[in-house]
C-alpha atoms as a PDB file:
ATOM      1  CA  MET A   1       0.000   0.000   0.000  1.00  0.00           C
ATOM      2  CA  GLY A   2       1.391   3.346  -1.024  1.00  0.00           C
ATOM      3  CA  LEU A   3       1.396   6.547   0.963  1.00  0.00           C
ATOM      4  CA  ARG A   4      -1.542   7.980  -0.964  1.00  0.00           C
ATOM      5  CA  GLU A   5      -3.746   4.943  -0.294  1.00  0.00           C
ATOM      6  CA  HIS A   6      -2.729   4.954   3.371  1.00  0.00           C
ATOM      7  CA  LEU A   7      -3.658   8.631   3.781  1.00  0.00           C
ATOM      8  CA  LEU A   8      -6.949   8.142   1.945  1.00  0.00           C
ATOM      9  CA  GLU A   9      -7.832   5.163   4.137  1.00  0.00           C
ATOM     10  CA  GLY A  10      -7.095   7.197   7.277  1.00  0.00           C
ATOM     11  CA  ALA A  11      -9.184  10.092   6.003  1.00  0.00           C
ATOM     12  CA  LEU A  12     -12.121   7.791   5.297  1.00  0.00           C
ATOM     13  CA  GLU A  13     -11.924   6.212   8.752  1.00  0.00           C
ATOM     14  CA  THR A  14     -11.820   9.522  10.623  1.00  0.00           C
ATOM     15  CA  GLY A  15     -14.242  11.451   8.442  1.00  0.00           C
ATOM     16  CA  LEU A  16     -11.614  14.053   7.548  1.00  0.00           C
ATOM     17  CA  LEU A  17     -12.270  13.490   3.863  1.00  0.00           C
ATOM     18  CA  PHE A  18     -15.617  15.257   4.155  1.00  0.00           C
ATOM     19  CA  LEU A  19     -14.002  18.305   5.751  1.00  0.00           C
ATOM     20  CA  ASP A  20     -11.345  18.476   3.063  1.00  0.00           C
ATOM     21  CA  VAL A  21     -13.889  18.409   0.240  1.00  0.00           C
ATOM     22  CA  GLY A  22     -15.336  21.769   1.314  1.00  0.00           C
ATOM     23  CA  ILE A  23     -11.897  23.317   1.600  1.00  0.00           C
ATOM     24  CA  LEU A  24     -10.856  21.978  -1.787  1.00  0.00           C
ATOM     25  CA  ARG A  25     -14.118  23.086  -3.371  1.00  0.00           C
ATOM     26  CA  GLY A  26     -13.630  26.643  -2.092  1.00  0.00           C
ATOM     27  CA  ARG A  27     -10.043  26.734  -3.319  1.00  0.00           C
ATOM     28  CA  LEU A  28     -11.089  25.377  -6.720  1.00  0.00           C
ATOM     29  CA  ILE A  29     -13.847  27.986  -7.042  1.00  0.00           C
ATOM     30  CA  ARG A  30     -11.385  30.799  -6.223  1.00  0.00           C
ATOM     31  CA  GLN A  31      -8.876  29.491  -8.769  1.00  0.00           C
ATOM     32  CA  MET A  32     -11.600  29.264 -11.409  1.00  0.00           C
ATOM     33  CA  GLU A  33     -12.676  32.835 -10.645  1.00  0.00           C
ATOM     34  CA  LYS A  34      -9.095  34.072 -11.042  1.00  0.00           C
ATOM     35  CA  ALA A  35      -8.785  32.262 -14.367  1.00  0.00           C
ATOM     36  CA  LEU A  36     -12.120  33.697 -15.508  1.00  0.00           C
ATOM     37  CA  TRP A  37     -11.010  37.217 -14.546  1.00  0.00           C
ATOM     38  CA  ARG A  38      -7.799  36.851 -16.535  1.00  0.00           C
ATOM     39  CA  SER A  39      -9.520  35.385 -19.587  1.00  0.00           C
ATOM     40  CA  ILE A  40     -12.532  37.718 -19.652  1.00  0.00           C
ATOM     41  CA  VAL A  41     -11.312  41.053 -18.287  1.00  0.00           C
ATOM     42  CA  GLU A  42      -7.560  41.168 -18.778  1.00  0.00           C
ATOM     43  CA  HIS A  43      -7.099  39.343 -22.086  1.00  0.00           C
ATOM     44  CA  GLU A  44      -9.909  40.835 -24.155  1.00  0.00           C
ATOM     45  CA  LYS A  45      -8.442  43.866 -25.868  1.00  0.00           C
ATOM     46  CA  GLY A  46     -10.604  46.476 -27.536  1.00  0.00           C
ATOM     47  CA  ALA A  47     -13.705  45.985 -25.388  1.00  0.00           C
ATOM     48  CA  LEU A  48     -14.903  48.395 -22.735  1.00  0.00           C
ATOM     49  CA  ARG A  49     -13.678  47.401 -19.269  1.00  0.00           C
ATOM     50  CA  PRO A  50     -17.057  47.939 -17.508  1.00  0.00           C
ATOM     51  CA  ALA A  51     -18.691  45.609 -20.028  1.00  0.00           C
ATOM     52  CA  GLN A  52     -15.971  43.016 -19.468  1.00  0.00           C
ATOM     53  CA  GLU A  53     -16.425  43.253 -15.704  1.00  0.00           C
ATOM     54  CA  LEU A  54     -20.189  42.798 -16.014  1.00  0.00           C
ATOM     55  CA  LYS A  55     -19.619  39.708 -18.142  1.00  0.00           C
ATOM     56  CA  PHE A  56     -17.210  38.336 -15.525  1.00  0.00           C
ATOM     57  CA  TYR A  57     -19.640  38.961 -12.646  1.00  0.00           C
ATOM     58  CA  PHE A  58     -22.462  37.277 -14.574  1.00  0.00           C
ATOM     59  CA  VAL A  59     -20.379  34.151 -15.243  1.00  0.00           C
ATOM     60  CA  ARG A  60     -19.046  34.136 -11.658  1.00  0.00           C
ATOM     61  CA  ASN A  61     -22.576  34.266 -10.253  1.00  0.00           C
ATOM     62  CA  LEU A  62     -23.603  31.367 -12.493  1.00  0.00           C
ATOM     63  CA  LEU A  63     -20.629  29.375 -11.203  1.00  0.00           C
ATOM     64  CA  ARG A  64     -21.390  30.135  -7.545  1.00  0.00           C
ATOM     65  CA  THR A  65     -25.110  29.416  -7.922  1.00  0.00           C
ATOM     66  CA  THR A  66     -24.412  26.099  -9.620  1.00  0.00           C
ATOM     67  CA  ASP A  67     -21.936  25.113  -6.900  1.00  0.00           C
ATOM     68  CA  ASN A  68     -24.407  26.091  -4.181  1.00  0.00           C
ATOM     69  CA  HIS A  69     -27.193  24.033  -5.756  1.00  0.00           C
ATOM     70  CA  LEU A  70     -24.887  21.033  -6.200  1.00  0.00           C
ATOM     71  CA  ARG A  71     -23.899  21.162  -2.520  1.00  0.00           C
ATOM     72  CA  ARG A  72     -27.519  21.304  -1.400  1.00  0.00           C
ATOM     73  CA  GLY A  73     -28.518  18.460  -3.707  1.00  0.00           C
ATOM     74  CA  TRP A  74     -30.871  20.527  -5.821  1.00  0.00           C
ATOM     75  CA  LEU A  75     -28.917  19.572  -8.952  1.00  0.00           C
ATOM     76  CA  SER A  76     -27.640  16.107  -9.768  1.00  0.00           C
ATOM     77  CA  ARG A  77     -24.101  15.533 -10.880  1.00  0.00           C
END
């Protein structure tokens, strides 16, 4: 048994895996938001910045709403 399997087994036995999922989900959402900001606002040349920011906030809210509904079980994976 490798180190990864040993750690995963310990996490499953203690219930720590469920705590880590929320932390990882939050970190993943923040990283996705940073990537969206760079791709929508910073890399689009020639467009008006307020319009780019509105587009980013719209997409970010869709992402957060979808994540919230997945966590609550209102959407199936």
